[in-house]
């Protein structure tokens, strides 16, 4: 019996895969708690979810929300170099983004 080898003891433990988080969905969930009627890229990067810390990612997620009707671009923002959106608020329990 001292020479017995168990095959299950040598197998590595199963690797748990992290669930992919859609940045646009994450941003939409966060925008439901944002108290102002408009949002800028800078505000998303500073106060938004951690996944939105780079400008390109924040812009891409916001553009997806524009296509789905959750954000409307502001035509003449306070500054010319600022990108700003108006948040569309609808009474929905769990809003989702469709790609």
PDB file of N, CA and C in Angstrom:
ATOM      1  N   UNK A   1       0.786  -1.204   0.000  1.00  0.00           N
ATOM      2  CA  UNK A   1       0.000   0.000   0.000  1.00  0.00           C
ATOM      3  C   UNK A   1       0.832   1.275   0.000  1.00  0.00           C
ATOM      4  N   UNK A   2       2.063   1.292   0.449  1.00  0.00           N
ATOM      5  CA  UNK A   2       2.807   2.548   0.450  1.00  0.00           C
ATOM      6  C   UNK A   2       3.118   3.044  -0.969  1.00  0.00           C
ATOM      7  N   UNK A   3       3.015   2.213  -1.993  1.00  0.00           N
ATOM      8  CA  UNK A   3       3.301   2.647  -3.354  1.00  0.00           C
ATOM      9  C   UNK A   3       2.048   3.070  -4.117  1.00  0.00           C
ATOM     10  N   UNK A   4       0.932   3.215  -3.429  1.00  0.00           N
ATOM     11  CA  UNK A   4      -0.307   3.622  -4.100  1.00  0.00           C
ATOM     12  C   UNK A   4      -0.221   5.077  -4.525  1.00  0.00           C
ATOM     13  N   UNK A   5      -0.767   5.345  -5.692  1.00  0.00           N
ATOM     14  CA  UNK A   5      -0.784   6.715  -6.189  1.00  0.00           C
ATOM     15  C   UNK A   5      -2.224   7.061  -6.568  1.00  0.00           C
ATOM     16  N   UNK A   6      -2.681   8.159  -6.057  1.00  0.00           N
ATOM     17  CA  UNK A   6      -4.040   8.587  -6.354  1.00  0.00           C
ATOM     18  C   UNK A   6      -3.977   9.612  -7.477  1.00  0.00           C
ATOM     19  N   UNK A   7      -4.738   9.377  -8.504  1.00  0.00           N
ATOM     20  CA  UNK A   7      -4.687  10.266  -9.670  1.00  0.00           C
ATOM     21  C   UNK A   7      -5.316  11.619  -9.379  1.00  0.00           C
ATOM     22  N   UNK A   8      -6.325  11.661  -8.534  1.00  0.00           N
ATOM     23  CA  UNK A   8      -6.973  12.935  -8.273  1.00  0.00           C
ATOM     24  C   UNK A   8      -6.097  13.860  -7.434  1.00  0.00           C
ATOM     25  N   UNK A   9      -5.123  13.346  -6.746  1.00  0.00           N
ATOM     26  CA  UNK A   9      -4.252  14.179  -5.923  1.00  0.00           C
ATOM     27  C   UNK A   9      -3.265  14.981  -6.783  1.00  0.00           C
ATOM     28  N   UNK A  10      -2.946  14.498  -7.976  1.00  0.00           N
ATOM     29  CA  UNK A  10      -1.996  15.199  -8.837  1.00  0.00           C
ATOM     30  C   UNK A  10      -2.649  16.230  -9.757  1.00  0.00           C
ATOM     31  N   UNK A  11      -3.960  16.174  -9.882  1.00  0.00           N
ATOM     32  CA  UNK A  11      -4.636  17.107 -10.767  1.00  0.00           C
ATOM     33  C   UNK A  11      -4.675  18.501 -10.137  1.00  0.00           C
ATOM     34  N   UNK A  12      -4.443  19.525 -10.940  1.00  0.00           N
ATOM     35  CA  UNK A  12      -4.523  20.873 -10.389  1.00  0.00           C
ATOM     36  C   UNK A  12      -5.970  21.239 -10.081  1.00  0.00           C
ATOM     37  N   UNK A  13      -6.182  22.145  -9.153  1.00  0.00           N
ATOM     38  CA  UNK A  13      -7.560  22.533  -8.834  1.00  0.00           C
ATOM     39  C   UNK A  13      -8.192  23.241 -10.036  1.00  0.00           C
ATOM     40  N   UNK A  14      -9.480  23.134 -10.188  1.00  0.00           N
ATOM     41  CA  UNK A  14     -10.139  23.785 -11.328  1.00  0.00           C
ATOM     42  C   UNK A  14      -9.974  25.311 -11.244  1.00  0.00           C
ATOM     43  N   UNK A  15      -9.755  25.909 -12.388  1.00  0.00           N
ATOM     44  CA  UNK A  15      -9.554  27.350 -12.451  1.00  0.00           C
ATOM     45  C   UNK A  15     -10.910  28.020 -12.612  1.00  0.00           C
ATOM     46  N   UNK A  16     -11.179  28.967 -11.724  1.00  0.00           N
ATOM     47  CA  UNK A  16     -12.433  29.702 -11.819  1.00  0.00           C
ATOM     48  C   UNK A  16     -12.244  30.850 -12.787  1.00  0.00           C
ATOM     49  N   UNK A  17     -13.123  30.941 -13.755  1.00  0.00           N
ATOM     50  CA  UNK A  17     -13.047  32.026 -14.725  1.00  0.00           C
ATOM     51  C   UNK A  17     -13.802  33.233 -14.185  1.00  0.00           C
ATOM     52  N   UNK A  18     -13.194  34.389 -14.353  1.00  0.00           N
ATOM     53  CA  UNK A  18     -13.871  35.605 -13.941  1.00  0.00           C
ATOM     54  C   UNK A  18     -14.951  35.933 -14.960  1.00  0.00           C
ATOM     55  N   UNK A  19     -16.071  36.348 -14.462  1.00  0.00           N
ATOM     56  CA  UNK A  19     -17.156  36.736 -15.364  1.00  0.00           C
ATOM     57  C   UNK A  19     -16.770  38.030 -16.066  1.00  0.00           C
ATOM     58  N   UNK A  20     -16.956  38.063 -17.377  1.00  0.00           N
ATOM     59  CA  UNK A  20     -16.645  39.267 -18.136  1.00  0.00           C
ATOM     60  C   UNK A  20     -17.673  40.334 -17.795  1.00  0.00           C
ATOM     61  N   UNK A  21     -17.174  41.504 -17.463  1.00  0.00           N
ATOM     62  CA  UNK A  21     -18.039  42.619 -17.134  1.00  0.00           C
ATOM     63  C   UNK A  21     -18.050  43.574 -18.320  1.00  0.00           C
ATOM     64  N   UNK A  22     -19.227  43.840 -18.832  1.00  0.00           N
ATOM     65  CA  UNK A  22     -19.369  44.768 -19.934  1.00  0.00           C
ATOM     66  C   UNK A  22     -19.208  46.189 -19.390  1.00  0.00           C
ATOM     67  N   UNK A  23     -18.243  46.958 -19.889  1.00  0.00           N
ATOM     68  CA  UNK A  23     -18.032  48.310 -19.369  1.00  0.00           C
ATOM     69  C   UNK A  23     -19.254  49.217 -19.534  1.00  0.00           C
ATOM     70  N   UNK A  24     -19.988  49.071 -20.624  1.00  0.00           N
ATOM     71  CA  UNK A  24     -21.170  49.911 -20.825  1.00  0.00           C
ATOM     72  C   UNK A  24     -22.249  49.586 -19.791  1.00  0.00           C
ATOM     73  N   UNK A  25     -22.421  48.307 -19.491  1.00  0.00           N
ATOM     74  CA  UNK A  25     -23.400  47.925 -18.477  1.00  0.00           C
ATOM     75  C   UNK A  25     -22.976  48.424 -17.106  1.00  0.00           C
ATOM     76  N   UNK A  26     -21.693  48.341 -16.824  1.00  0.00           N
ATOM     77  CA  UNK A  26     -21.171  48.832 -15.552  1.00  0.00           C
ATOM     78  C   UNK A  26     -21.407  50.335 -15.424  1.00  0.00           C
ATOM     79  N   UNK A  27     -21.175  51.069 -16.515  1.00  0.00           N
ATOM     80  CA  UNK A  27     -21.397  52.512 -16.519  1.00  0.00           C
ATOM     81  C   UNK A  27     -22.878  52.828 -16.357  1.00  0.00           C
ATOM     82  N   UNK A  28     -23.745  52.088 -17.020  1.00  0.00           N
ATOM     83  CA  UNK A  28     -25.182  52.320 -16.900  1.00  0.00           C
ATOM     84  C   UNK A  28     -25.663  52.085 -15.474  1.00  0.00           C
ATOM     85  N   UNK A  29     -25.185  51.033 -14.845  1.00  0.00           N
ATOM     86  CA  UNK A  29     -25.561  50.765 -13.455  1.00  0.00           C
ATOM     87  C   UNK A  29     -25.107  51.905 -12.548  1.00  0.00           C
ATOM     88  N   UNK A  30     -23.911  52.418 -12.802  1.00  0.00           N
ATOM     89  CA  UNK A  30     -23.399  53.506 -11.982  1.00  0.00           C
ATOM     90  C   UNK A  30     -24.168  54.802 -12.243  1.00  0.00           C
ATOM     91  N   UNK A  31     -24.549  55.055 -13.498  1.00  0.00           N
ATOM     92  CA  UNK A  31     -25.276  56.283 -13.831  1.00  0.00           C
ATOM     93  C   UNK A  31     -26.637  56.349 -13.155  1.00  0.00           C
ATOM     94  N   UNK A  32     -27.213  55.220 -12.789  1.00  0.00           N
ATOM     95  CA  UNK A  32     -28.497  55.237 -12.091  1.00  0.00           C
ATOM     96  C   UNK A  32     -28.383  55.885 -10.717  1.00  0.00           C
ATOM     97  N   UNK A  33     -27.176  55.939 -10.165  1.00  0.00           N
ATOM     98  CA  UNK A  33     -26.953  56.555  -8.862  1.00  0.00           C
ATOM     99  C   UNK A  33     -26.372  57.968  -8.970  1.00  0.00           C
ATOM    100  N   UNK A  34     -26.031  58.404 -10.184  1.00  0.00           N
ATOM    101  CA  UNK A  34     -25.453  59.735 -10.395  1.00  0.00           C
ATOM    102  C   UNK A  34     -26.567  60.759 -10.198  1.00  0.00           C
ATOM    103  N   UNK A  35     -26.317  61.775  -9.386  1.00  0.00           N
ATOM    104  CA  UNK A  35     -27.379  62.695  -8.983  1.00  0.00           C
ATOM    105  C   UNK A  35     -27.568  63.896  -9.909  1.00  0.00           C
ATOM    106  N   UNK A  36     -26.670  64.134 -10.843  1.00  0.00           N
ATOM    107  CA  UNK A  36     -26.776  65.286 -11.735  1.00  0.00           C
ATOM    108  C   UNK A  36     -27.460  64.880 -13.044  1.00  0.00           C
ATOM    109  N   UNK A  37     -28.057  65.836 -13.767  1.00  0.00           N
ATOM    110  CA  UNK A  37     -28.754  65.492 -15.014  1.00  0.00           C
ATOM    111  C   UNK A  37     -27.816  65.255 -16.197  1.00  0.00           C
ATOM    112  N   UNK A  38     -26.577  65.734 -16.117  1.00  0.00           N
ATOM    113  CA  UNK A  38     -25.611  65.535 -17.200  1.00  0.00           C
ATOM    114  C   UNK A  38     -24.339  64.920 -16.645  1.00  0.00           C
ATOM    115  N   UNK A  39     -23.514  64.399 -17.558  1.00  0.00           N
ATOM    116  CA  UNK A  39     -22.234  63.773 -17.182  1.00  0.00           C
ATOM    117  C   UNK A  39     -21.213  64.080 -18.266  1.00  0.00           C
ATOM    118  N   UNK A  40     -19.966  64.240 -17.870  1.00  0.00           N
ATOM    119  CA  UNK A  40     -18.879  64.472 -18.811  1.00  0.00           C
ATOM    120  C   UNK A  40     -17.902  63.306 -18.740  1.00  0.00           C
ATOM    121  N   UNK A  41     -17.010  63.244 -19.717  1.00  0.00           N
ATOM    122  CA  UNK A  41     -15.988  62.197 -19.718  1.00  0.00           C
ATOM    123  C   UNK A  41     -15.120  62.324 -18.474  1.00  0.00           C
ATOM    124  N   UNK A  42     -14.783  63.528 -18.130  1.00  0.00           N
ATOM    125  CA  UNK A  42     -13.930  63.753 -16.957  1.00  0.00           C
ATOM    126  C   UNK A  42     -14.608  63.244 -15.682  1.00  0.00           C
ATOM    127  N   UNK A  43     -15.901  63.499 -15.534  1.00  0.00           N
ATOM    128  CA  UNK A  43     -16.618  63.022 -14.354  1.00  0.00           C
ATOM    129  C   UNK A  43     -16.696  61.504 -14.331  1.00  0.00           C
ATOM    130  N   UNK A  44     -16.877  60.893 -15.483  1.00  0.00           N
ATOM    131  CA  UNK A  44     -16.903  59.426 -15.542  1.00  0.00           C
ATOM    132  C   UNK A  44     -15.560  58.863 -15.103  1.00  0.00           C
ATOM    133  N   UNK A  45     -14.480  59.477 -15.586  1.00  0.00           N
ATOM    134  CA  UNK A  45     -13.142  58.979 -15.254  1.00  0.00           C
ATOM    135  C   UNK A  45     -12.809  59.179 -13.786  1.00  0.00           C
ATOM    136  N   UNK A  46     -13.270  60.276 -13.185  1.00  0.00           N
ATOM    137  CA  UNK A  46     -12.937  60.559 -11.783  1.00  0.00           C
ATOM    138  C   UNK A  46     -13.848  59.805 -10.823  1.00  0.00           C
ATOM    139  N   UNK A  47     -15.149  59.904 -11.029  1.00  0.00           N
ATOM    140  CA  UNK A  47     -16.112  59.382 -10.056  1.00  0.00           C
ATOM    141  C   UNK A  47     -16.710  58.041 -10.449  1.00  0.00           C
ATOM    142  N   UNK A  48     -16.545  57.630 -11.693  1.00  0.00           N
ATOM    143  CA  UNK A  48     -17.204  56.432 -12.198  1.00  0.00           C
ATOM    144  C   UNK A  48     -16.572  55.135 -11.739  1.00  0.00           C
ATOM    145  N   UNK A  49     -17.045  54.034 -12.286  1.00  0.00           N
ATOM    146  CA  UNK A  49     -16.491  52.720 -11.934  1.00  0.00           C
ATOM    147  C   UNK A  49     -15.001  52.637 -12.275  1.00  0.00           C
ATOM    148  N   UNK A  50     -14.302  51.800 -11.573  1.00  0.00           N
ATOM    149  CA  UNK A  50     -12.854  51.680 -11.742  1.00  0.00           C
ATOM    150  C   UNK A  50     -12.470  51.270 -13.165  1.00  0.00           C
ATOM    151  N   UNK A  51     -13.329  50.554 -13.833  1.00  0.00           N
ATOM    152  CA  UNK A  51     -13.043  50.084 -15.186  1.00  0.00           C
ATOM    153  C   UNK A  51     -13.023  51.252 -16.185  1.00  0.00           C
ATOM    154  N   UNK A  52     -13.520  52.417 -15.791  1.00  0.00           N
ATOM    155  CA  UNK A  52     -13.619  53.582 -16.683  1.00  0.00           C
ATOM    156  C   UNK A  52     -12.488  54.590 -16.484  1.00  0.00           C
ATOM    157  N   UNK A  53     -11.369  54.219 -15.968  1.00  0.00           N
ATOM    158  CA  UNK A  53     -10.324  55.189 -15.642  1.00  0.00           C
ATOM    159  C   UNK A  53      -9.557  55.711 -16.852  1.00  0.00           C
ATOM    160  N   UNK A  54      -9.586  55.014 -17.967  1.00  0.00           N
ATOM    161  CA  UNK A  54      -8.919  55.543 -19.160  1.00  0.00           C
ATOM    162  C   UNK A  54      -9.962  56.229 -20.057  1.00  0.00           C
ATOM    163  N   UNK A  55      -9.542  57.246 -20.776  1.00  0.00           N
ATOM    164  CA  UNK A  55     -10.459  58.056 -21.559  1.00  0.00           C
ATOM    165  C   UNK A  55     -11.103  57.273 -22.700  1.00  0.00           C
ATOM    166  N   UNK A  56     -10.331  56.446 -23.391  1.00  0.00           N
ATOM    167  CA  UNK A  56     -10.873  55.694 -24.519  1.00  0.00           C
ATOM    168  C   UNK A  56     -11.970  54.739 -24.060  1.00  0.00           C
ATOM    169  N   UNK A  57     -11.765  54.061 -22.947  1.00  0.00           N
ATOM    170  CA  UNK A  57     -12.774  53.139 -22.433  1.00  0.00           C
ATOM    171  C   UNK A  57     -14.045  53.855 -22.010  1.00  0.00           C
ATOM    172  N   UNK A  58     -13.893  55.022 -21.399  1.00  0.00           N
ATOM    173  CA  UNK A  58     -15.056  55.801 -20.988  1.00  0.00           C
ATOM    174  C   UNK A  58     -15.840  56.286 -22.203  1.00  0.00           C
ATOM    175  N   UNK A  59     -15.124  56.748 -23.234  1.00  0.00           N
ATOM    176  CA  UNK A  59     -15.799  57.206 -24.451  1.00  0.00           C
ATOM    177  C   UNK A  59     -16.512  56.066 -25.168  1.00  0.00           C
ATOM    178  N   UNK A  60     -15.869  54.914 -25.262  1.00  0.00           N
ATOM    179  CA  UNK A  60     -16.482  53.763 -25.929  1.00  0.00           C
ATOM    180  C   UNK A  60     -17.760  53.321 -25.209  1.00  0.00           C
ATOM    181  N   UNK A  61     -17.700  53.238 -23.883  1.00  0.00           N
ATOM    182  CA  UNK A  61     -18.878  52.825 -23.114  1.00  0.00           C
ATOM    183  C   UNK A  61     -19.995  53.852 -23.246  1.00  0.00           C
ATOM    184  N   UNK A  62     -19.652  55.130 -23.230  1.00  0.00           N
ATOM    185  CA  UNK A  62     -20.665  56.178 -23.372  1.00  0.00           C
ATOM    186  C   UNK A  62     -21.300  56.142 -24.761  1.00  0.00           C
ATOM    187  N   UNK A  63     -20.524  55.865 -25.791  1.00  0.00           N
ATOM    188  CA  UNK A  63     -21.077  55.789 -27.142  1.00  0.00           C
ATOM    189  C   UNK A  63     -22.053  54.620 -27.277  1.00  0.00           C
ATOM    190  N   UNK A  64     -21.771  53.520 -26.610  1.00  0.00           N
ATOM    191  CA  UNK A  64     -22.706  52.395 -26.613  1.00  0.00           C
ATOM    192  C   UNK A  64     -24.008  52.799 -25.930  1.00  0.00           C
ATOM    193  N   UNK A  65     -23.902  53.562 -24.833  1.00  0.00           N
ATOM    194  CA  UNK A  65     -25.106  54.022 -24.146  1.00  0.00           C
ATOM    195  C   UNK A  65     -25.882  55.031 -24.989  1.00  0.00           C
ATOM    196  N   UNK A  66     -25.187  55.822 -25.795  1.00  0.00           N
ATOM    197  CA  UNK A  66     -25.864  56.749 -26.708  1.00  0.00           C
ATOM    198  C   UNK A  66     -26.656  55.954 -27.748  1.00  0.00           C
ATOM    199  N   UNK A  67     -26.044  54.904 -28.294  1.00  0.00           N
ATOM    200  CA  UNK A  67     -26.725  54.076 -29.297  1.00  0.00           C
ATOM    201  C   UNK A  67     -27.956  53.379 -28.724  1.00  0.00           C
ATOM    202  N   UNK A  68     -27.911  53.047 -27.418  1.00  0.00           N
ATOM    203  CA  UNK A  68     -29.039  52.375 -26.771  1.00  0.00           C
ATOM    204  C   UNK A  68     -30.053  53.348 -26.182  1.00  0.00           C
ATOM    205  N   UNK A  69     -29.798  54.640 -26.284  1.00  0.00           N
ATOM    206  CA  UNK A  69     -30.764  55.625 -25.831  1.00  0.00           C
ATOM    207  C   UNK A  69     -30.696  55.993 -24.363  1.00  0.00           C
ATOM    208  N   UNK A  70     -29.624  55.630 -23.666  1.00  0.00           N
ATOM    209  CA  UNK A  70     -29.490  55.967 -22.251  1.00  0.00           C
ATOM    210  C   UNK A  70     -28.789  57.308 -22.044  1.00  0.00           C
ATOM    211  N   UNK A  71     -28.070  57.790 -23.040  1.00  0.00           N
ATOM    212  CA  UNK A  71     -27.407  59.092 -22.988  1.00  0.00           C
ATOM    213  C   UNK A  71     -27.729  59.862 -24.266  1.00  0.00           C
ATOM    214  N   UNK A  72     -27.884  61.183 -24.128  1.00  0.00           N
ATOM    215  CA  UNK A  72     -28.073  62.064 -25.276  1.00  0.00           C
ATOM    216  C   UNK A  72     -26.948  63.085 -25.285  1.00  0.00           C
ATOM    217  N   UNK A  73     -26.257  63.259 -26.418  1.00  0.00           N
ATOM    218  CA  UNK A  73     -25.179  64.248 -26.462  1.00  0.00           C
ATOM    219  C   UNK A  73     -25.725  65.659 -26.287  1.00  0.00           C
ATOM    220  N   UNK A  74     -24.998  66.472 -25.518  1.00  0.00           N
ATOM    221  CA  UNK A  74     -25.350  67.878 -25.343  1.00  0.00           C
ATOM    222  C   UNK A  74     -24.748  68.635 -26.519  1.00  0.00           C
ATOM    223  N   UNK A  75     -25.572  69.411 -27.212  1.00  0.00           N
ATOM    224  CA  UNK A  75     -25.127  70.089 -28.430  1.00  0.00           C
ATOM    225  C   UNK A  75     -24.069  71.157 -28.152  1.00  0.00           C
ATOM    226  N   UNK A  76     -24.318  72.028 -27.205  1.00  0.00           N
ATOM    227  CA  UNK A  76     -23.364  73.096 -26.900  1.00  0.00           C
ATOM    228  C   UNK A  76     -22.990  73.019 -25.422  1.00  0.00           C
ATOM    229  N   UNK A  77     -21.966  72.261 -25.108  1.00  0.00           N
ATOM    230  CA  UNK A  77     -21.549  72.194 -23.709  1.00  0.00           C
ATOM    231  C   UNK A  77     -20.940  73.528 -23.270  1.00  0.00           C
ATOM    232  N   UNK A  78     -20.726  73.650 -21.981  1.00  0.00           N
ATOM    233  CA  UNK A  78     -20.176  74.871 -21.393  1.00  0.00           C
ATOM    234  C   UNK A  78     -18.825  75.237 -22.018  1.00  0.00           C
ATOM    235  N   UNK A  79     -18.004  74.260 -22.283  1.00  0.00           N
ATOM    236  CA  UNK A  79     -16.708  74.474 -22.944  1.00  0.00           C
ATOM    237  C   UNK A  79     -16.685  73.709 -24.256  1.00  0.00           C
ATOM    238  N   UNK A  80     -15.945  74.236 -25.232  1.00  0.00           N
ATOM    239  CA  UNK A  80     -15.896  73.581 -26.540  1.00  0.00           C
ATOM    240  C   UNK A  80     -15.150  72.252 -26.517  1.00  0.00           C
ATOM    241  N   UNK A  81     -14.167  72.118 -25.628  1.00  0.00           N
ATOM    242  CA  UNK A  81     -13.368  70.890 -25.597  1.00  0.00           C
ATOM    243  C   UNK A  81     -13.960  69.824 -24.683  1.00  0.00           C
ATOM    244  N   UNK A  82     -15.130  70.055 -24.153  1.00  0.00           N
ATOM    245  CA  UNK A  82     -15.764  69.118 -23.232  1.00  0.00           C
ATOM    246  C   UNK A  82     -16.799  68.277 -23.973  1.00  0.00           C
ATOM    247  N   UNK A  83     -16.802  66.991 -23.704  1.00  0.00           N
ATOM    248  CA  UNK A  83     -17.828  66.102 -24.243  1.00  0.00           C
ATOM    249  C   UNK A  83     -18.804  65.830 -23.101  1.00  0.00           C
ATOM    250  N   UNK A  84     -20.064  66.128 -23.346  1.00  0.00           N
ATOM    251  CA  UNK A  84     -21.063  66.045 -22.282  1.00  0.00           C
ATOM    252  C   UNK A  84     -22.315  65.356 -22.803  1.00  0.00           C
ATOM    253  N   UNK A  85     -22.975  64.596 -21.914  1.00  0.00           N
ATOM    254  CA  UNK A  85     -24.199  63.893 -22.265  1.00  0.00           C
ATOM    255  C   UNK A  85     -25.266  64.173 -21.226  1.00  0.00           C
ATOM    256  N   UNK A  86     -26.509  64.170 -21.683  1.00  0.00           N
ATOM    257  CA  UNK A  86     -27.643  64.242 -20.785  1.00  0.00           C
ATOM    258  C   UNK A  86     -28.075  62.809 -20.489  1.00  0.00           C
ATOM    259  N   UNK A  87     -28.332  62.516 -19.233  1.00  0.00           N
ATOM    260  CA  UNK A  87     -28.709  61.164 -18.817  1.00  0.00           C
ATOM    261  C   UNK A  87     -30.217  61.001 -18.996  1.00  0.00           C
ATOM    262  N   UNK A  88     -30.628  59.944 -19.687  1.00  0.00           N
ATOM    263  CA  UNK A  88     -32.042  59.634 -19.871  1.00  0.00           C
ATOM    264  C   UNK A  88     -32.470  58.773 -18.692  1.00  0.00           C
ATOM    265  N   UNK A  89     -33.375  59.293 -17.926  1.00  0.00           N
ATOM    266  CA  UNK A  89     -33.841  58.566 -16.739  1.00  0.00           C
ATOM    267  C   UNK A  89     -35.215  57.974 -17.034  1.00  0.00           C
ATOM    268  N   UNK A  90     -35.309  56.673 -16.957  1.00  0.00           N
ATOM    269  CA  UNK A  90     -36.583  55.986 -17.127  1.00  0.00           C
ATOM    270  C   UNK A  90     -36.786  55.073 -15.929  1.00  0.00           C
ATOM    271  N   UNK A  91     -38.024  54.947 -15.460  1.00  0.00           N
ATOM    272  CA  UNK A  91     -38.272  54.080 -14.306  1.00  0.00           C
ATOM    273  C   UNK A  91     -38.158  52.603 -14.689  1.00  0.00           C
ATOM    274  N   UNK A  92     -36.971  52.057 -14.523  1.00  0.00           N
ATOM    275  CA  UNK A  92     -36.694  50.665 -14.850  1.00  0.00           C
ATOM    276  C   UNK A  92     -36.007  50.018 -13.658  1.00  0.00           C
ATOM    277  N   UNK A  93     -36.406  48.795 -13.325  1.00  0.00           N
ATOM    278  CA  UNK A  93     -35.795  48.129 -12.187  1.00  0.00           C
ATOM    279  C   UNK A  93     -34.339  47.778 -12.430  1.00  0.00           C
ATOM    280  N   UNK A  94     -34.066  47.109 -13.521  1.00  0.00           N
ATOM    281  CA  UNK A  94     -32.680  46.751 -13.818  1.00  0.00           C
ATOM    282  C   UNK A  94     -32.405  47.064 -15.290  1.00  0.00           C
ATOM    283  N   UNK A  95     -31.917  48.263 -15.578  1.00  0.00           N
ATOM    284  CA  UNK A  95     -31.663  48.632 -16.974  1.00  0.00           C
ATOM    285  C   UNK A  95     -30.538  47.805 -17.563  1.00  0.00           C
ATOM    286  N   UNK A  96     -30.669  47.459 -18.840  1.00  0.00           N
ATOM    287  CA  UNK A  96     -29.637  46.662 -19.501  1.00  0.00           C
ATOM    288  C   UNK A  96     -29.214  47.339 -20.806  1.00  0.00           C
ATOM    289  N   UNK A  97     -28.033  46.976 -21.240  1.00  0.00           N
ATOM    290  CA  UNK A  97     -27.478  47.475 -22.482  1.00  0.00           C
ATOM    291  C   UNK A  97     -27.428  46.315 -23.466  1.00  0.00           C
ATOM    292  N   UNK A  98     -27.935  46.538 -24.666  1.00  0.00           N
ATOM    293  CA  UNK A  98     -27.870  45.520 -25.699  1.00  0.00           C
ATOM    294  C   UNK A  98     -26.799  45.919 -26.689  1.00  0.00           C
ATOM    295  N   UNK A  99     -25.905  44.998 -26.977  1.00  0.00           N
ATOM    296  CA  UNK A  99     -24.810  45.314 -27.871  1.00  0.00           C
ATOM    297  C   UNK A  99     -25.209  45.177 -29.275  1.00  0.00           C
TER     298      UNK A  99
END
